[in-house]
Amino acid sequence: MSCRGAGAAVVLVRHRSRLLPTTTAEST
């Protein structure tokens, strides 16, 4: 489950960062 959760989180973050590059700075 952890692996799947991490993968899903990464995908969501990547999609979000793509749509909102501003969130990337806040996320990191």
C-alpha atoms as a PDB file:
ATOM      1  CA  MET A   1       0.000   0.000   0.000  1.00  0.00           C
ATOM      2  CA  SER A   2       2.830   2.378   0.836  1.00  0.00           C
ATOM      3  CA  CYS A   3       4.364   1.850  -2.586  1.00  0.00           C
ATOM      4  CA  ARG A   4       1.051   2.521  -4.295  1.00  0.00           C
ATOM      5  CA  GLY A   5       0.364   5.540  -2.110  1.00  0.00           C
ATOM      6  CA  ALA A   6       3.789   6.996  -2.809  1.00  0.00           C
ATOM      7  CA  GLY A   7       3.398   6.427  -6.555  1.00  0.00           C
ATOM      8  CA  ALA A   8      -0.054   8.005  -6.576  1.00  0.00           C
ATOM      9  CA  ALA A   9       1.198  10.956  -4.531  1.00  0.00           C
ATOM     10  CA  VAL A  10       4.107  11.499  -6.915  1.00  0.00           C
ATOM     11  CA  VAL A  11       1.780  11.360  -9.913  1.00  0.00           C
ATOM     12  CA  LEU A  12      -0.647  13.803  -8.308  1.00  0.00           C
ATOM     13  CA  VAL A  13       2.161  16.168  -7.362  1.00  0.00           C
ATOM     14  CA  ARG A  14       3.593  15.958 -10.876  1.00  0.00           C
ATOM     15  CA  HIS A  15       0.217  16.717 -12.420  1.00  0.00           C
ATOM     16  CA  ARG A  16      -0.356  19.565  -9.995  1.00  0.00           C
ATOM     17  CA  SER A  17       3.106  20.996 -10.593  1.00  0.00           C
ATOM     18  CA  ARG A  18       2.418  20.837 -14.319  1.00  0.00           C
ATOM     19  CA  LEU A  19      -0.872  22.685 -13.954  1.00  0.00           C
ATOM     20  CA  LEU A  20       0.331  24.979 -11.190  1.00  0.00           C
ATOM     21  CA  PRO A  21       4.117  25.521 -11.237  1.00  0.00           C
ATOM     22  CA  THR A  22       3.672  27.720  -8.189  1.00  0.00           C
ATOM     23  CA  THR A  23       2.705  24.763  -5.997  1.00  0.00           C
ATOM     24  CA  THR A  24       6.024  23.062  -6.787  1.00  0.00           C
ATOM     25  CA  ALA A  25       7.958  25.728  -4.880  1.00  0.00           C
ATOM     26  CA  GLU A  26       5.590  25.361  -1.927  1.00  0.00           C
ATOM     27  CA  SER A  27       5.650  21.560  -2.106  1.00  0.00           C
ATOM     28  CA  THR A  28       9.451  21.456  -2.136  1.00  0.00           C
END
